């Protein structure tokens, strides 16, 4: 994966919104997810970014096509609410996409 070290040095093991949009087919945009998540109570103990949440929500939707937005959000928020899952979304992404060039997302 090109640019991985540079990307991680700048953003850590977390998604920017731009990378999340490029990484997976997005059923819901960052602004939609942000608005919907405001109505839910959650604690971000894993230092997740909105990009991480966007990736996780849309990844869950892709794998569970009949899932509602609320169910997809609950899945994502459960992950970011677990302090041991810091960087989970990005790690999952790197395992699935070894050929992507991250230089343009720095």
PDB file of N, CA and C in Angstrom:
ATOM      1  N   UNK A   1       0.856  -1.174   0.000  1.00  0.00           N
ATOM      2  CA  UNK A   1       0.000   0.000   0.000  1.00  0.00           C
ATOM      3  C   UNK A   1       0.900   1.234   0.000  1.00  0.00           C
ATOM      4  N   UNK A   2       0.796   2.012  -1.037  1.00  0.00           N
ATOM      5  CA  UNK A   2       1.622   3.203  -1.174  1.00  0.00           C
ATOM      6  C   UNK A   2       1.108   4.314  -0.269  1.00  0.00           C
ATOM      7  N   UNK A   3       2.025   5.043   0.341  1.00  0.00           N
ATOM      8  CA  UNK A   3       1.676   6.200   1.145  1.00  0.00           C
ATOM      9  C   UNK A   3       1.114   5.884   2.517  1.00  0.00           C
ATOM     10  N   UNK A   4       1.145   4.627   2.931  1.00  0.00           N
ATOM     11  CA  UNK A   4       0.540   4.239   4.211  1.00  0.00           C
ATOM     12  C   UNK A   4       1.213   4.935   5.389  1.00  0.00           C
ATOM     13  N   UNK A   5       2.531   4.920   5.427  1.00  0.00           N
ATOM     14  CA  UNK A   5       3.244   5.529   6.553  1.00  0.00           C
ATOM     15  C   UNK A   5       2.981   7.028   6.646  1.00  0.00           C
ATOM     16  N   UNK A   6       2.975   7.704   5.515  1.00  0.00           N
ATOM     17  CA  UNK A   6       2.727   9.149   5.490  1.00  0.00           C
ATOM     18  C   UNK A   6       1.295   9.438   5.937  1.00  0.00           C
ATOM     19  N   UNK A   7       0.343   8.658   5.427  1.00  0.00           N
ATOM     20  CA  UNK A   7      -1.056   8.844   5.802  1.00  0.00           C
ATOM     21  C   UNK A   7      -1.232   8.655   7.312  1.00  0.00           C
ATOM     22  N   UNK A   8      -0.679   7.582   7.841  1.00  0.00           N
ATOM     23  CA  UNK A   8      -0.819   7.294   9.276  1.00  0.00           C
ATOM     24  C   UNK A   8      -0.131   8.361  10.120  1.00  0.00           C
ATOM     25  N   UNK A   9       1.001   8.870   9.658  1.00  0.00           N
ATOM     26  CA  UNK A   9       1.682   9.914  10.437  1.00  0.00           C
ATOM     27  C   UNK A   9       0.841  11.183  10.515  1.00  0.00           C
ATOM     28  N   UNK A  10       0.020  11.432   9.508  1.00  0.00           N
ATOM     29  CA  UNK A  10      -0.818  12.633   9.518  1.00  0.00           C
ATOM     30  C   UNK A  10      -2.190  12.408  10.162  1.00  0.00           C
ATOM     31  N   UNK A  11      -2.833  11.278   9.841  1.00  0.00           N
ATOM     32  CA  UNK A  11      -4.223  11.052  10.277  1.00  0.00           C
ATOM     33  C   UNK A  11      -4.376   9.924  11.291  1.00  0.00           C
ATOM     34  N   UNK A  12      -3.296   9.259  11.616  1.00  0.00           N
ATOM     35  CA  UNK A  12      -3.415   8.096  12.486  1.00  0.00           C
ATOM     36  C   UNK A  12      -4.086   6.969  11.720  1.00  0.00           C
ATOM     37  N   UNK A  13      -4.560   5.964  12.441  1.00  0.00           N
ATOM     38  CA  UNK A  13      -5.233   4.827  11.796  1.00  0.00           C
ATOM     39  C   UNK A  13      -6.743   5.086  11.740  1.00  0.00           C
ATOM     40  N   UNK A  14      -7.067   6.251  11.162  1.00  0.00           N
ATOM     41  CA  UNK A  14      -8.459   6.677  11.057  1.00  0.00           C
ATOM     42  C   UNK A  14      -8.727   7.249   9.672  1.00  0.00           C
ATOM     43  N   UNK A  15      -9.969   7.175   9.263  1.00  0.00           N
ATOM     44  CA  UNK A  15     -10.388   7.681   7.966  1.00  0.00           C
ATOM     45  C   UNK A  15     -10.607   9.183   7.997  1.00  0.00           C
ATOM     46  N   UNK A  16     -10.237   9.833   6.912  1.00  0.00           N
ATOM     47  CA  UNK A  16     -10.760  11.162   6.645  1.00  0.00           C
ATOM     48  C   UNK A  16     -12.096  10.925   5.947  1.00  0.00           C
ATOM     49  N   UNK A  17     -12.941  11.929   5.917  1.00  0.00           N
ATOM     50  CA  UNK A  17     -14.220  11.766   5.224  1.00  0.00           C
ATOM     51  C   UNK A  17     -13.979  11.472   3.744  1.00  0.00           C
ATOM     52  N   UNK A  18     -13.009  12.131   3.163  1.00  0.00           N
ATOM     53  CA  UNK A  18     -12.706  11.950   1.738  1.00  0.00           C
ATOM     54  C   UNK A  18     -12.285  10.514   1.437  1.00  0.00           C
ATOM     55  N   UNK A  19     -11.434   9.942   2.268  1.00  0.00           N
ATOM     56  CA  UNK A  19     -11.006   8.565   2.051  1.00  0.00           C
ATOM     57  C   UNK A  19     -12.167   7.597   2.265  1.00  0.00           C
ATOM     58  N   UNK A  20     -12.991   7.860   3.260  1.00  0.00           N
ATOM     59  CA  UNK A  20     -14.139   6.978   3.515  1.00  0.00           C
ATOM     60  C   UNK A  20     -15.077   6.941   2.317  1.00  0.00           C
ATOM     61  N   UNK A  21     -15.300   8.096   1.702  1.00  0.00           N
ATOM     62  CA  UNK A  21     -16.175   8.165   0.530  1.00  0.00           C
ATOM     63  C   UNK A  21     -15.571   7.384  -0.625  1.00  0.00           C
ATOM     64  N   UNK A  22     -14.259   7.470  -0.782  1.00  0.00           N
ATOM     65  CA  UNK A  22     -13.586   6.767  -1.877  1.00  0.00           C
ATOM     66  C   UNK A  22     -13.432   5.274  -1.601  1.00  0.00           C
ATOM     67  N   UNK A  23     -13.399   4.887  -0.341  1.00  0.00           N
ATOM     68  CA  UNK A  23     -13.078   3.510   0.044  1.00  0.00           C
ATOM     69  C   UNK A  23     -14.221   2.528  -0.156  1.00  0.00           C
ATOM     70  N   UNK A  24     -15.439   3.004  -0.077  1.00  0.00           N
ATOM     71  CA  UNK A  24     -16.578   2.087  -0.134  1.00  0.00           C
ATOM     72  C   UNK A  24     -17.759   2.797  -0.769  1.00  0.00           C
ATOM     73  N   UNK A  25     -18.591   2.035  -1.473  1.00  0.00           N
ATOM     74  CA  UNK A  25     -19.803   2.626  -2.036  1.00  0.00           C
ATOM     75  C   UNK A  25     -20.625   3.186  -0.892  1.00  0.00           C
ATOM     76  N   UNK A  26     -20.937   4.459  -0.983  1.00  0.00           N
ATOM     77  CA  UNK A  26     -21.635   5.117   0.108  1.00  0.00           C
ATOM     78  C   UNK A  26     -23.120   5.209  -0.150  1.00  0.00           C
ATOM     79  N   UNK A  27     -23.847   4.530   0.681  1.00  0.00           N
ATOM     80  CA  UNK A  27     -25.301   4.633   0.658  1.00  0.00           C
ATOM     81  C   UNK A  27     -25.708   5.957   1.302  1.00  0.00           C
ATOM     82  N   UNK A  28     -24.995   6.306   2.372  1.00  0.00           N
ATOM     83  CA  UNK A  28     -25.283   7.536   3.100  1.00  0.00           C
ATOM     84  C   UNK A  28     -24.038   8.404   3.168  1.00  0.00           C
ATOM     85  N   UNK A  29     -24.220   9.697   2.994  1.00  0.00           N
ATOM     86  CA  UNK A  29     -23.121  10.662   2.995  1.00  0.00           C
ATOM     87  C   UNK A  29     -22.696  10.985   4.430  1.00  0.00           C
ATOM     88  N   UNK A  30     -21.520  11.569   4.589  1.00  0.00           N
ATOM     89  CA  UNK A  30     -21.091  11.974   5.928  1.00  0.00           C
ATOM     90  C   UNK A  30     -22.089  12.893   6.625  1.00  0.00           C
ATOM     91  N   UNK A  31     -22.675  13.847   5.888  1.00  0.00           N
ATOM     92  CA  UNK A  31     -23.624  14.757   6.533  1.00  0.00           C
ATOM     93  C   UNK A  31     -24.887  14.026   6.989  1.00  0.00           C
ATOM     94  N   UNK A  32     -25.371  13.064   6.205  1.00  0.00           N
ATOM     95  CA  UNK A  32     -26.539  12.274   6.615  1.00  0.00           C
ATOM     96  C   UNK A  32     -26.231  11.457   7.871  1.00  0.00           C
ATOM     97  N   UNK A  33     -25.071  10.849   7.882  1.00  0.00           N
ATOM     98  CA  UNK A  33     -24.686  10.019   9.027  1.00  0.00           C
ATOM     99  C   UNK A  33     -24.486  10.877  10.268  1.00  0.00           C
ATOM    100  N   UNK A  34     -23.867  12.037  10.090  1.00  0.00           N
ATOM    101  CA  UNK A  34     -23.658  12.931  11.225  1.00  0.00           C
ATOM    102  C   UNK A  34     -24.995  13.386  11.812  1.00  0.00           C
ATOM    103  N   UNK A  35     -25.930  13.779  10.938  1.00  0.00           N
ATOM    104  CA  UNK A  35     -27.258  14.211  11.420  1.00  0.00           C
ATOM    105  C   UNK A  35     -27.978  13.085  12.151  1.00  0.00           C
ATOM    106  N   UNK A  36     -27.946  11.896  11.588  1.00  0.00           N
ATOM    107  CA  UNK A  36     -28.633  10.757  12.196  1.00  0.00           C
ATOM    108  C   UNK A  36     -27.995  10.347  13.519  1.00  0.00           C
ATOM    109  N   UNK A  37     -26.677  10.435  13.606  1.00  0.00           N
ATOM    110  CA  UNK A  37     -25.997  10.009  14.834  1.00  0.00           C
ATOM    111  C   UNK A  37     -26.210  10.999  15.977  1.00  0.00           C
ATOM    112  N   UNK A  38     -26.543  12.236  15.662  1.00  0.00           N
ATOM    113  CA  UNK A  38     -26.783  13.235  16.710  1.00  0.00           C
ATOM    114  C   UNK A  38     -27.979  12.861  17.572  1.00  0.00           C
ATOM    115  N   UNK A  39     -28.905  12.099  17.028  1.00  0.00           N
ATOM    116  CA  UNK A  39     -30.099  11.689  17.772  1.00  0.00           C
ATOM    117  C   UNK A  39     -29.828  10.471  18.653  1.00  0.00           C
ATOM    118  N   UNK A  40     -28.649   9.898  18.519  1.00  0.00           N
ATOM    119  CA  UNK A  40     -28.306   8.693  19.285  1.00  0.00           C
ATOM    120  C   UNK A  40     -27.252   9.040  20.333  1.00  0.00           C
ATOM    121  N   UNK A  41     -27.343   8.417  21.464  1.00  0.00           N
ATOM    122  CA  UNK A  41     -26.355   8.632  22.516  1.00  0.00           C
ATOM    123  C   UNK A  41     -25.221   7.633  22.328  1.00  0.00           C
ATOM    124  N   UNK A  42     -24.002   8.136  22.257  1.00  0.00           N
ATOM    125  CA  UNK A  42     -22.845   7.255  22.147  1.00  0.00           C
ATOM    126  C   UNK A  42     -21.622   7.974  22.690  1.00  0.00           C
ATOM    127  N   UNK A  43     -20.634   7.208  23.028  1.00  0.00           N
ATOM    128  CA  UNK A  43     -19.377   7.748  23.532  1.00  0.00           C
ATOM    129  C   UNK A  43     -18.259   7.276  22.616  1.00  0.00           C
ATOM    130  N   UNK A  44     -17.528   8.223  22.080  1.00  0.00           N
ATOM    131  CA  UNK A  44     -16.452   7.923  21.151  1.00  0.00           C
ATOM    132  C   UNK A  44     -15.156   7.742  21.944  1.00  0.00           C
ATOM    133  N   UNK A  45     -14.950   6.553  22.455  1.00  0.00           N
ATOM    134  CA  UNK A  45     -13.762   6.288  23.274  1.00  0.00           C
ATOM    135  C   UNK A  45     -12.602   5.735  22.450  1.00  0.00           C
ATOM    136  N   UNK A  46     -12.833   5.462  21.179  1.00  0.00           N
ATOM    137  CA  UNK A  46     -11.777   4.897  20.346  1.00  0.00           C
ATOM    138  C   UNK A  46     -11.160   5.947  19.411  1.00  0.00           C
ATOM    139  N   UNK A  47     -11.436   7.215  19.676  1.00  0.00           N
ATOM    140  CA  UNK A  47     -10.886   8.324  18.894  1.00  0.00           C
ATOM    141  C   UNK A  47     -11.319   8.283  17.434  1.00  0.00           C
ATOM    142  N   UNK A  48     -12.457   7.664  17.155  1.00  0.00           N
ATOM    143  CA  UNK A  48     -12.949   7.537  15.787  1.00  0.00           C
ATOM    144  C   UNK A  48     -13.291   8.895  15.194  1.00  0.00           C
ATOM    145  N   UNK A  49     -13.099   8.995  13.885  1.00  0.00           N
ATOM    146  CA  UNK A  49     -13.463  10.194  13.149  1.00  0.00           C
ATOM    147  C   UNK A  49     -14.812   9.967  12.473  1.00  0.00           C
ATOM    148  N   UNK A  50     -15.377  11.039  11.936  1.00  0.00           N
ATOM    149  CA  UNK A  50     -16.606  10.887  11.157  1.00  0.00           C
ATOM    150  C   UNK A  50     -16.342   9.968   9.968  1.00  0.00           C
ATOM    151  N   UNK A  51     -15.146  10.049   9.400  1.00  0.00           N
ATOM    152  CA  UNK A  51     -14.785   9.154   8.296  1.00  0.00           C
ATOM    153  C   UNK A  51     -14.849   7.691   8.699  1.00  0.00           C
ATOM    154  N   UNK A  52     -14.380   7.365   9.918  1.00  0.00           N
ATOM    155  CA  UNK A  52     -14.460   5.992  10.419  1.00  0.00           C
ATOM    156  C   UNK A  52     -15.920   5.542  10.495  1.00  0.00           C
ATOM    157  N   UNK A  53     -16.761   6.420  11.013  1.00  0.00           N
ATOM    158  CA  UNK A  53     -18.173   6.082  11.166  1.00  0.00           C
ATOM    159  C   UNK A  53     -18.827   5.897   9.795  1.00  0.00           C
ATOM    160  N   UNK A  54     -18.511   6.784   8.863  1.00  0.00           N
ATOM    161  CA  UNK A  54     -19.055   6.677   7.500  1.00  0.00           C
ATOM    162  C   UNK A  54     -18.662   5.342   6.883  1.00  0.00           C
ATOM    163  N   UNK A  55     -17.390   4.962   7.015  1.00  0.00           N
ATOM    164  CA  UNK A  55     -16.934   3.685   6.462  1.00  0.00           C
ATOM    165  C   UNK A  55     -17.679   2.521   7.113  1.00  0.00           C
ATOM    166  N   UNK A  56     -17.754   2.502   8.428  1.00  0.00           N
ATOM    167  CA  UNK A  56     -18.385   1.383   9.139  1.00  0.00           C
ATOM    168  C   UNK A  56     -19.871   1.272   8.825  1.00  0.00           C
ATOM    169  N   UNK A  57     -20.570   2.398   8.786  1.00  0.00           N
ATOM    170  CA  UNK A  57     -22.006   2.387   8.477  1.00  0.00           C
ATOM    171  C   UNK A  57     -22.243   1.820   7.082  1.00  0.00           C
ATOM    172  N   UNK A  58     -21.498   2.325   6.117  1.00  0.00           N
ATOM    173  CA  UNK A  58     -21.704   1.888   4.738  1.00  0.00           C
ATOM    174  C   UNK A  58     -21.179   0.479   4.488  1.00  0.00           C
ATOM    175  N   UNK A  59     -20.153   0.059   5.203  1.00  0.00           N
ATOM    176  CA  UNK A  59     -19.654  -1.319   5.100  1.00  0.00           C
ATOM    177  C   UNK A  59     -20.724  -2.281   5.627  1.00  0.00           C
ATOM    178  N   UNK A  60     -21.320  -1.930   6.757  1.00  0.00           N
ATOM    179  CA  UNK A  60     -22.372  -2.785   7.314  1.00  0.00           C
ATOM    180  C   UNK A  60     -23.556  -2.867   6.345  1.00  0.00           C
ATOM    181  N   UNK A  61     -23.934  -1.741   5.767  1.00  0.00           N
ATOM    182  CA  UNK A  61     -25.050  -1.726   4.815  1.00  0.00           C
ATOM    183  C   UNK A  61     -24.736  -2.597   3.601  1.00  0.00           C
ATOM    184  N   UNK A  62     -23.487  -2.535   3.137  1.00  0.00           N
ATOM    185  CA  UNK A  62     -23.086  -3.343   1.977  1.00  0.00           C
ATOM    186  C   UNK A  62     -23.182  -4.832   2.300  1.00  0.00           C
ATOM    187  N   UNK A  63     -22.810  -5.221   3.503  1.00  0.00           N
ATOM    188  CA  UNK A  63     -22.834  -6.636   3.901  1.00  0.00           C
ATOM    189  C   UNK A  63     -24.214  -7.107   4.343  1.00  0.00           C
ATOM    190  N   UNK A  64     -25.065  -6.183   4.755  1.00  0.00           N
ATOM    191  CA  UNK A  64     -26.415  -6.520   5.230  1.00  0.00           C
ATOM    192  C   UNK A  64     -27.394  -5.595   4.512  1.00  0.00           C
ATOM    193  N   UNK A  65     -27.699  -5.905   3.269  1.00  0.00           N
ATOM    194  CA  UNK A  65     -28.431  -4.991   2.396  1.00  0.00           C
ATOM    195  C   UNK A  65     -29.799  -4.565   2.932  1.00  0.00           C
ATOM    196  N   UNK A  66     -30.397  -5.365   3.776  1.00  0.00           N
ATOM    197  CA  UNK A  66     -31.723  -5.003   4.294  1.00  0.00           C
ATOM    198  C   UNK A  66     -31.675  -4.229   5.608  1.00  0.00           C
ATOM    199  N   UNK A  67     -30.482  -3.968   6.084  1.00  0.00           N
ATOM    200  CA  UNK A  67     -30.336  -3.248   7.353  1.00  0.00           C
ATOM    201  C   UNK A  67     -30.786  -1.797   7.193  1.00  0.00           C
ATOM    202  N   UNK A  68     -31.433  -1.290   8.212  1.00  0.00           N
ATOM    203  CA  UNK A  68     -31.851   0.107   8.216  1.00  0.00           C
ATOM    204  C   UNK A  68     -30.662   0.998   8.569  1.00  0.00           C
ATOM    205  N   UNK A  69     -30.810   2.299   8.305  1.00  0.00           N
ATOM    206  CA  UNK A  69     -29.748   3.237   8.660  1.00  0.00           C
ATOM    207  C   UNK A  69     -29.494   3.202  10.162  1.00  0.00           C
ATOM    208  N   UNK A  70     -30.564   3.099  10.950  1.00  0.00           N
ATOM    209  CA  UNK A  70     -30.421   3.065  12.400  1.00  0.00           C
ATOM    210  C   UNK A  70     -29.612   1.840  12.849  1.00  0.00           C
ATOM    211  N   UNK A  71     -29.884   0.690  12.244  1.00  0.00           N
ATOM    212  CA  UNK A  71     -29.141  -0.526  12.604  1.00  0.00           C
ATOM    213  C   UNK A  71     -27.671  -0.400  12.194  1.00  0.00           C
ATOM    214  N   UNK A  72     -27.418   0.174  11.027  1.00  0.00           N
ATOM    215  CA  UNK A  72     -26.038   0.374  10.566  1.00  0.00           C
ATOM    216  C   UNK A  72     -25.296   1.339  11.498  1.00  0.00           C
ATOM    217  N   UNK A  73     -25.982   2.389  11.905  1.00  0.00           N
ATOM    218  CA  UNK A  73     -25.382   3.341  12.840  1.00  0.00           C
ATOM    219  C   UNK A  73     -25.096   2.693  14.186  1.00  0.00           C
ATOM    220  N   UNK A  74     -26.026   1.893  14.673  1.00  0.00           N
ATOM    221  CA  UNK A  74     -25.812   1.215  15.950  1.00  0.00           C
ATOM    222  C   UNK A  74     -24.572   0.332  15.886  1.00  0.00           C
ATOM    223  N   UNK A  75     -24.396  -0.386  14.783  1.00  0.00           N
ATOM    224  CA  UNK A  75     -23.209  -1.218  14.594  1.00  0.00           C
ATOM    225  C   UNK A  75     -21.936  -0.355  14.689  1.00  0.00           C
ATOM    226  N   UNK A  76     -21.910   0.729  13.936  1.00  0.00           N
ATOM    227  CA  UNK A  76     -20.730   1.599  13.926  1.00  0.00           C
ATOM    228  C   UNK A  76     -20.475   2.213  15.292  1.00  0.00           C
ATOM    229  N   UNK A  77     -21.524   2.679  15.939  1.00  0.00           N
ATOM    230  CA  UNK A  77     -21.360   3.329  17.246  1.00  0.00           C
ATOM    231  C   UNK A  77     -20.961   2.330  18.326  1.00  0.00           C
ATOM    232  N   UNK A  78     -21.399   1.093  18.201  1.00  0.00           N
ATOM    233  CA  UNK A  78     -20.949   0.057  19.142  1.00  0.00           C
ATOM    234  C   UNK A  78     -19.443  -0.154  19.022  1.00  0.00           C
ATOM    235  N   UNK A  79     -18.939  -0.093  17.808  1.00  0.00           N
ATOM    236  CA  UNK A  79     -17.498  -0.276  17.604  1.00  0.00           C
ATOM    237  C   UNK A  79     -16.719   0.908  18.153  1.00  0.00           C
ATOM    238  N   UNK A  80     -17.144   2.123  17.843  1.00  0.00           N
ATOM    239  CA  UNK A  80     -16.368   3.267  18.329  1.00  0.00           C
ATOM    240  C   UNK A  80     -16.529   3.471  19.830  1.00  0.00           C
ATOM    241  N   UNK A  81     -17.524   2.858  20.406  1.00  0.00           N
ATOM    242  CA  UNK A  81     -17.718   2.930  21.850  1.00  0.00           C
ATOM    243  C   UNK A  81     -16.886   1.924  22.616  1.00  0.00           C
ATOM    244  N   UNK A  82     -16.121   1.095  21.925  1.00  0.00           N
ATOM    245  CA  UNK A  82     -15.267   0.094  22.558  1.00  0.00           C
ATOM    246  C   UNK A  82     -13.822   0.570  22.459  1.00  0.00           C
ATOM    247  N   UNK A  83     -13.239   0.943  23.568  1.00  0.00           N
ATOM    248  CA  UNK A  83     -11.897   1.529  23.560  1.00  0.00           C
ATOM    249  C   UNK A  83     -10.848   0.611  22.939  1.00  0.00           C
ATOM    250  N   UNK A  84     -11.076  -0.694  22.934  1.00  0.00           N
ATOM    251  CA  UNK A  84     -10.091  -1.617  22.358  1.00  0.00           C
ATOM    252  C   UNK A  84     -10.174  -1.682  20.833  1.00  0.00           C
ATOM    253  N   UNK A  85     -11.131  -0.974  20.244  1.00  0.00           N
ATOM    254  CA  UNK A  85     -11.289  -1.032  18.788  1.00  0.00           C
ATOM    255  C   UNK A  85     -10.708   0.192  18.083  1.00  0.00           C
ATOM    256  N   UNK A  86      -9.811   0.909  18.736  1.00  0.00           N
ATOM    257  CA  UNK A  86      -9.187   2.087  18.138  1.00  0.00           C
ATOM    258  C   UNK A  86      -8.503   1.701  16.829  1.00  0.00           C
ATOM    259  N   UNK A  87      -8.907   2.335  15.734  1.00  0.00           N
ATOM    260  CA  UNK A  87      -8.335   2.052  14.424  1.00  0.00           C
ATOM    261  C   UNK A  87      -8.926   0.853  13.713  1.00  0.00           C
ATOM    262  N   UNK A  88      -9.993   0.275  14.258  1.00  0.00           N
ATOM    263  CA  UNK A  88     -10.591  -0.939  13.680  1.00  0.00           C
ATOM    264  C   UNK A  88     -10.998  -0.746  12.226  1.00  0.00           C
ATOM    265  N   UNK A  89     -11.718   0.328  11.928  1.00  0.00           N
ATOM    266  CA  UNK A  89     -12.211   0.549  10.566  1.00  0.00           C
ATOM    267  C   UNK A  89     -11.052   0.654   9.577  1.00  0.00           C
ATOM    268  N   UNK A  90     -10.020   1.390   9.954  1.00  0.00           N
ATOM    269  CA  UNK A  90      -8.879   1.570   9.053  1.00  0.00           C
ATOM    270  C   UNK A  90      -8.112   0.260   8.868  1.00  0.00           C
ATOM    271  N   UNK A  91      -7.968  -0.497   9.932  1.00  0.00           N
ATOM    272  CA  UNK A  91      -7.296  -1.794   9.838  1.00  0.00           C
ATOM    273  C   UNK A  91      -8.068  -2.724   8.907  1.00  0.00           C
ATOM    274  N   UNK A  92      -9.382  -2.752   9.038  1.00  0.00           N
ATOM    275  CA  UNK A  92     -10.227  -3.558   8.159  1.00  0.00           C
ATOM    276  C   UNK A  92     -10.038  -3.129   6.704  1.00  0.00           C
ATOM    277  N   UNK A  93     -10.012  -1.840   6.480  1.00  0.00           N
ATOM    278  CA  UNK A  93      -9.826  -1.291   5.143  1.00  0.00           C
ATOM    279  C   UNK A  93      -8.468  -1.699   4.560  1.00  0.00           C
ATOM    280  N   UNK A  94      -7.406  -1.604   5.333  1.00  0.00           N
ATOM    281  CA  UNK A  94      -6.073  -1.939   4.811  1.00  0.00           C
ATOM    282  C   UNK A  94      -5.967  -3.428   4.482  1.00  0.00           C
ATOM    283  N   UNK A  95      -6.657  -4.262   5.222  1.00  0.00           N
ATOM    284  CA  UNK A  95      -6.651  -5.688   4.910  1.00  0.00           C
ATOM    285  C   UNK A  95      -7.375  -5.987   3.600  1.00  0.00           C
ATOM    286  N   UNK A  96      -8.375  -5.198   3.285  1.00  0.00           N
ATOM    287  CA  UNK A  96      -9.188  -5.412   2.088  1.00  0.00           C
ATOM    288  C   UNK A  96      -8.608  -4.739   0.846  1.00  0.00           C
ATOM    289  N   UNK A  97      -7.730  -3.735   1.026  1.00  0.00           N
ATOM    290  CA  UNK A  97      -7.293  -2.894  -0.095  1.00  0.00           C
ATOM    291  C   UNK A  97      -5.790  -2.676  -0.099  1.00  0.00           C
ATOM    292  N   UNK A  98      -5.039  -3.706  -0.333  1.00  0.00           N
ATOM    293  CA  UNK A  98      -3.589  -3.580  -0.271  1.00  0.00           C
ATOM    294  C   UNK A  98      -3.001  -2.804  -1.450  1.00  0.00           C
ATOM    295  N   UNK A  99      -3.755  -2.585  -2.500  1.00  0.00           N
ATOM    296  CA  UNK A  99      -3.191  -1.940  -3.681  1.00  0.00           C
ATOM    297  C   UNK A  99      -3.513  -0.448  -3.802  1.00  0.00           C
ATOM    298  N   UNK A 100      -4.255   0.132  -2.881  1.00  0.00           N
ATOM    299  CA  UNK A 100      -4.630   1.539  -2.983  1.00  0.00           C
ATOM    300  C   UNK A 100      -3.431   2.443  -2.670  1.00  0.00           C
ATOM    301  N   UNK A 101      -3.398   3.595  -3.322  1.00  0.00           N
ATOM    302  CA  UNK A 101      -2.366   4.589  -3.079  1.00  0.00           C
ATOM    303  C   UNK A 101      -2.948   5.676  -2.192  1.00  0.00           C
ATOM    304  N   UNK A 102      -2.479   5.773  -0.983  1.00  0.00           N
ATOM    305  CA  UNK A 102      -3.026   6.732  -0.015  1.00  0.00           C
ATOM    306  C   UNK A 102      -2.409   8.118  -0.119  1.00  0.00           C
ATOM    307  N   UNK A 103      -1.409   8.277  -0.990  1.00  0.00           N
ATOM    308  CA  UNK A 103      -0.718   9.571  -1.083  1.00  0.00           C
ATOM    309  C   UNK A 103      -1.667  10.721  -1.377  1.00  0.00           C
ATOM    310  N   UNK A 104      -2.669  10.488  -2.216  1.00  0.00           N
ATOM    311  CA  UNK A 104      -3.595  11.567  -2.571  1.00  0.00           C
ATOM    312  C   UNK A 104      -4.571  11.942  -1.451  1.00  0.00           C
ATOM    313  N   UNK A 105      -4.581  11.159  -0.378  1.00  0.00           N
ATOM    314  CA  UNK A 105      -5.495  11.431   0.745  1.00  0.00           C
ATOM    315  C   UNK A 105      -4.783  12.045   1.942  1.00  0.00           C
ATOM    316  N   UNK A 106      -3.511  12.348   1.776  1.00  0.00           N
ATOM    317  CA  UNK A 106      -2.729  12.928   2.883  1.00  0.00           C
ATOM    318  C   UNK A 106      -3.022  14.408   2.976  1.00  0.00           C
TER     319      UNK A 106
END
